[in-house]
C-alpha atoms as a PDB file:
ATOM      1  CA  MET A   1     -10.409   0.377  25.656  1.00  0.00           C
ATOM      2  CA  TYR A   2     -14.059   0.993  24.933  1.00  0.00           C
ATOM      3  CA  PRO A   3     -16.378  -1.079  22.765  1.00  0.00           C
ATOM      4  CA  SER A   4     -17.433   0.253  19.404  1.00  0.00           C
ATOM      5  CA  THR A   5     -19.474  -0.960  16.492  1.00  0.00           C
ATOM      6  CA  ILE A   6     -17.934  -0.219  13.124  1.00  0.00           C
ATOM      7  CA  GLU A   7     -18.768  -0.996   9.558  1.00  0.00           C
ATOM      8  CA  HIS A   8     -16.386  -2.272   6.948  1.00  0.00           C
ATOM      9  CA  LEU A   9     -16.604  -4.321   3.788  1.00  0.00           C
ATOM     10  CA  GLU A  10     -16.000  -8.045   3.909  1.00  0.00           C
ATOM     11  CA  PHE A  11     -16.131 -10.568   1.090  1.00  0.00           C
ATOM     12  CA  SER A  12     -19.188 -12.820   1.202  1.00  0.00           C
ATOM     13  CA  PRO A  13     -18.723 -16.129  -0.616  1.00  0.00           C
ATOM     14  CA  HIS A  14     -22.513 -16.543  -0.671  1.00  0.00           C
ATOM     15  CA  SER A  15     -23.135 -13.401  -2.713  1.00  0.00           C
ATOM     16  CA  ASN A  16     -19.659 -13.373  -4.344  1.00  0.00           C
ATOM     17  CA  LYS A  17     -19.169  -9.693  -3.498  1.00  0.00           C
ATOM     18  CA  PHE A  18     -18.048  -7.398  -0.692  1.00  0.00           C
ATOM     19  CA  VAL A  19     -20.835  -6.547   1.755  1.00  0.00           C
ATOM     20  CA  PRO A  20     -21.068  -4.276   4.838  1.00  0.00           C
ATOM     21  CA  CYS A  21     -20.058  -5.976   8.049  1.00  0.00           C
ATOM     22  CA  PHE A  22     -20.572  -4.728  11.585  1.00  0.00           C
ATOM     23  CA  GLU A  23     -18.235  -5.817  14.332  1.00  0.00           C
ATOM     24  CA  PHE A  24     -18.004  -5.261  18.032  1.00  0.00           C
ATOM     25  CA  ILE A  25     -14.371  -4.310  18.594  1.00  0.00           C
ATOM     26  CA  PRO A  26     -12.387  -2.529  21.281  1.00  0.00           C
ATOM     27  CA  VAL A  27     -11.467   1.073  20.536  1.00  0.00           C
ATOM     28  CA  LYS A  28      -8.707   2.861  22.392  1.00  0.00           C
ATOM     29  CA  LYS A  29      -9.602   6.390  23.438  1.00  0.00           C
ATOM     30  CA  THR A  30      -6.110   7.432  24.487  1.00  0.00           C
ATOM     31  CA  GLY A  31      -2.521   6.520  23.807  1.00  0.00           C
ATOM     32  CA  THR A  32       0.587   7.837  22.167  1.00  0.00           C
ATOM     33  CA  LYS A  33       1.665   7.575  18.555  1.00  0.00           C
ATOM     34  CA  GLU A  34       4.490   5.288  19.663  1.00  0.00           C
ATOM     35  CA  GLU A  35       2.031   2.920  21.353  1.00  0.00           C
ATOM     36  CA  PHE A  36      -0.092   2.850  18.208  1.00  0.00           C
ATOM     37  CA  TYR A  37       2.963   2.164  16.027  1.00  0.00           C
ATOM     38  CA  SER A  38       3.960  -0.649  18.369  1.00  0.00           C
ATOM     39  CA  ASP A  39       0.464  -2.171  18.086  1.00  0.00           C
ATOM     40  CA  VAL A  40       0.660  -1.871  14.288  1.00  0.00           C
ATOM     41  CA  TYR A  41       4.062  -3.565  14.139  1.00  0.00           C
ATOM     42  CA  GLN A  42       2.891  -6.376  16.408  1.00  0.00           C
ATOM     43  CA  THR A  43      -0.136  -6.970  14.161  1.00  0.00           C
ATOM     44  CA  VAL A  44       1.895  -6.900  10.947  1.00  0.00           C
ATOM     45  CA  LYS A  45       4.282  -9.496  12.396  1.00  0.00           C
ATOM     46  CA  GLU A  46       1.327 -11.891  12.626  1.00  0.00           C
ATOM     47  CA  ILE A  47       0.301 -11.755   8.933  1.00  0.00           C
ATOM     48  CA  PRO A  48       1.124 -15.230   7.607  1.00  0.00           C
ATOM     49  CA  PRO A  49       2.902 -15.872   4.306  1.00  0.00           C
ATOM     50  CA  GLY A  50       0.464 -16.125   1.401  1.00  0.00           C
ATOM     51  CA  PHE A  51      -1.913 -13.572   2.893  1.00  0.00           C
ATOM     52  CA  VAL A  52      -2.225  -9.787   2.965  1.00  0.00           C
ATOM     53  CA  SER A  53      -3.916  -7.331   5.266  1.00  0.00           C
ATOM     54  CA  THR A  54      -5.223  -3.838   4.606  1.00  0.00           C
ATOM     55  CA  TYR A  55      -4.344  -0.611   6.370  1.00  0.00           C
ATOM     56  CA  GLY A  56      -7.912  -0.399   7.671  1.00  0.00           C
ATOM     57  CA  GLN A  57      -7.905  -3.947   8.992  1.00  0.00           C
ATOM     58  CA  ILE A  58      -4.672  -3.289  10.879  1.00  0.00           C
ATOM     59  CA  ALA A  59      -6.055  -0.034  12.304  1.00  0.00           C
ATOM     60  CA  ARG A  60      -9.146  -1.896  13.579  1.00  0.00           C
ATOM     61  CA  LEU A  61      -7.004  -4.619  15.143  1.00  0.00           C
ATOM     62  CA  ALA A  62      -4.869  -1.935  16.807  1.00  0.00           C
ATOM     63  CA  GLY A  63      -8.025  -0.495  18.374  1.00  0.00           C
ATOM     64  CA  GLN A  64      -8.083   2.682  16.268  1.00  0.00           C
ATOM     65  CA  PRO A  65     -10.367   1.980  13.281  1.00  0.00           C
ATOM     66  CA  GLN A  66     -10.294   5.611  12.141  1.00  0.00           C
ATOM     67  CA  TYR A  67      -6.489   5.639  11.721  1.00  0.00           C
ATOM     68  CA  SER A  68      -5.849   3.590   8.579  1.00  0.00           C
ATOM     69  CA  ARG A  69      -3.694   6.388   7.123  1.00  0.00           C
ATOM     70  CA  LEU A  70      -1.595   6.431  10.262  1.00  0.00           C
ATOM     71  CA  VAL A  71      -0.971   2.715   9.707  1.00  0.00           C
ATOM     72  CA  GLY A  72       0.579   3.651   6.364  1.00  0.00           C
ATOM     73  CA  ARG A  73       2.778   6.209   8.058  1.00  0.00           C
ATOM     74  CA  ALA A  74       3.797   3.675  10.713  1.00  0.00           C
ATOM     75  CA  MET A  75       4.724   1.209   7.983  1.00  0.00           C
ATOM     76  CA  SER A  76       6.842   3.802   6.183  1.00  0.00           C
ATOM     77  CA  HIS A  77       8.727   4.431   9.437  1.00  0.00           C
ATOM     78  CA  ALA A  78       9.120   0.793  10.478  1.00  0.00           C
ATOM     79  CA  PRO A  79      12.646   0.100  11.729  1.00  0.00           C
ATOM     80  CA  ALA A  80      14.481  -2.389   9.496  1.00  0.00           C
ATOM     81  CA  TYR A  81      15.688  -4.408  12.503  1.00  0.00           C
ATOM     82  CA  LEU A  82      12.086  -5.516  13.181  1.00  0.00           C
ATOM     83  CA  ASN A  83      12.083  -7.505   9.915  1.00  0.00           C
ATOM     84  CA  LEU A  84       8.381  -6.868   9.410  1.00  0.00           C
ATOM     85  CA  PRO A  85       6.599  -8.348   6.391  1.00  0.00           C
ATOM     86  CA  CYS A  86       5.555  -4.857   5.266  1.00  0.00           C
ATOM     87  CA  HIS A  87       4.996  -6.166   1.742  1.00  0.00           C
ATOM     88  CA  ARG A  88       1.898  -7.995   3.029  1.00  0.00           C
ATOM     89  CA  VAL A  89       0.049  -4.715   3.681  1.00  0.00           C
ATOM     90  CA  VAL A  90      -2.041  -3.274   0.832  1.00  0.00           C
ATOM     91  CA  ASN A  91      -4.875  -0.775   0.521  1.00  0.00           C
ATOM     92  CA  SER A  92      -8.566  -1.694   0.722  1.00  0.00           C
ATOM     93  CA  GLN A  93      -8.727  -2.426  -3.019  1.00  0.00           C
ATOM     94  CA  GLY A  94      -5.613  -4.611  -2.917  1.00  0.00           C
ATOM     95  CA  ARG A  95      -3.323  -2.015  -4.487  1.00  0.00           C
ATOM     96  CA  THR A  96       0.337  -2.143  -3.629  1.00  0.00           C
ATOM     97  CA  VAL A  97       2.452   0.827  -2.568  1.00  0.00           C
ATOM     98  CA  PRO A  98       3.102   3.169  -5.534  1.00  0.00           C
ATOM     99  CA  GLY A  99       6.754   3.166  -6.525  1.00  0.00           C
ATOM    100  CA  TRP A 100       7.672   0.069  -4.493  1.00  0.00           C
ATOM    101  CA  THR A 101       8.117  -2.415  -7.337  1.00  0.00           C
ATOM    102  CA  GLU A 102       9.750  -4.980  -5.067  1.00  0.00           C
ATOM    103  CA  GLN A 103       6.481  -5.382  -3.135  1.00  0.00           C
ATOM    104  CA  ARG A 104       4.800  -7.148  -6.040  1.00  0.00           C
ATOM    105  CA  LYS A 105       7.805  -9.459  -6.483  1.00  0.00           C
ATOM    106  CA  LEU A 106       7.779 -10.356  -2.786  1.00  0.00           C
ATOM    107  CA  LEU A 107       4.046 -11.100  -2.886  1.00  0.00           C
ATOM    108  CA  LEU A 108       4.430 -13.222  -6.014  1.00  0.00           C
ATOM    109  CA  SER A 109       7.200 -15.182  -4.280  1.00  0.00           C
ATOM    110  CA  GLU A 110       4.584 -16.119  -1.632  1.00  0.00           C
ATOM    111  CA  ASN A 111       2.176 -17.312  -4.362  1.00  0.00           C
ATOM    112  CA  ILE A 112      -0.138 -14.339  -3.912  1.00  0.00           C
ATOM    113  CA  THR A 113      -2.145 -13.798  -7.076  1.00  0.00           C
ATOM    114  CA  PHE A 114      -3.101 -10.542  -8.745  1.00  0.00           C
ATOM    115  CA  LYS A 115      -6.184  -9.603 -10.715  1.00  0.00           C
ATOM    116  CA  SER A 116      -5.944  -8.238 -14.253  1.00  0.00           C
ATOM    117  CA  ASN A 117      -6.089  -4.662 -12.886  1.00  0.00           C
ATOM    118  CA  GLY A 118      -2.862  -5.228 -10.913  1.00  0.00           C
ATOM    119  CA  CYS A 119      -4.497  -5.481  -7.482  1.00  0.00           C
ATOM    120  CA  VAL A 120      -4.016  -8.379  -5.087  1.00  0.00           C
ATOM    121  CA  ASP A 121      -6.881 -10.858  -5.290  1.00  0.00           C
ATOM    122  CA  LEU A 122      -8.349 -10.104  -1.845  1.00  0.00           C
ATOM    123  CA  LYS A 123     -10.989 -12.820  -2.216  1.00  0.00           C
ATOM    124  CA  ARG A 124      -8.215 -15.389  -2.098  1.00  0.00           C
ATOM    125  CA  HIS A 125      -5.523 -13.756  -0.012  1.00  0.00           C
ATOM    126  CA  LEU A 126      -7.075 -11.396   2.575  1.00  0.00           C
ATOM    127  CA  TRP A 127      -6.013 -12.443   6.061  1.00  0.00           C
ATOM    128  CA  ARG A 128      -9.183 -13.346   7.931  1.00  0.00           C
ATOM    129  CA  LEU A 129      -9.040 -13.498  11.700  1.00  0.00           C
ATOM    130  CA  PHE A 130     -12.724 -14.009  12.381  1.00  0.00           C
END
């Protein structure tokens, strides 16, 4: 793993908006798709009830910040026997998976709130590790 500085948006309670954030994170330069999927699944297992994570956040935690779309693919291929809380993964705006109506019901059952536009309220429910 090699260090990298990346930029992403993070909610700032001081300014009450999302602002650019730079982090020093490890970035993997090699590895197989299976290893990446395994890292994704391990990260998703850790998302606590009442919180959500984004595809981009999971990609960064897996050491591949440029692979947020591959996180989505990994989630769509997740083996059922892993019992992953896939419903806790949303896009960077808090949108749920199109066509998966059960996702919203599962999130509501964990007291996750939605904004008027139908997106998860990331200010309240984004899983923050730092």
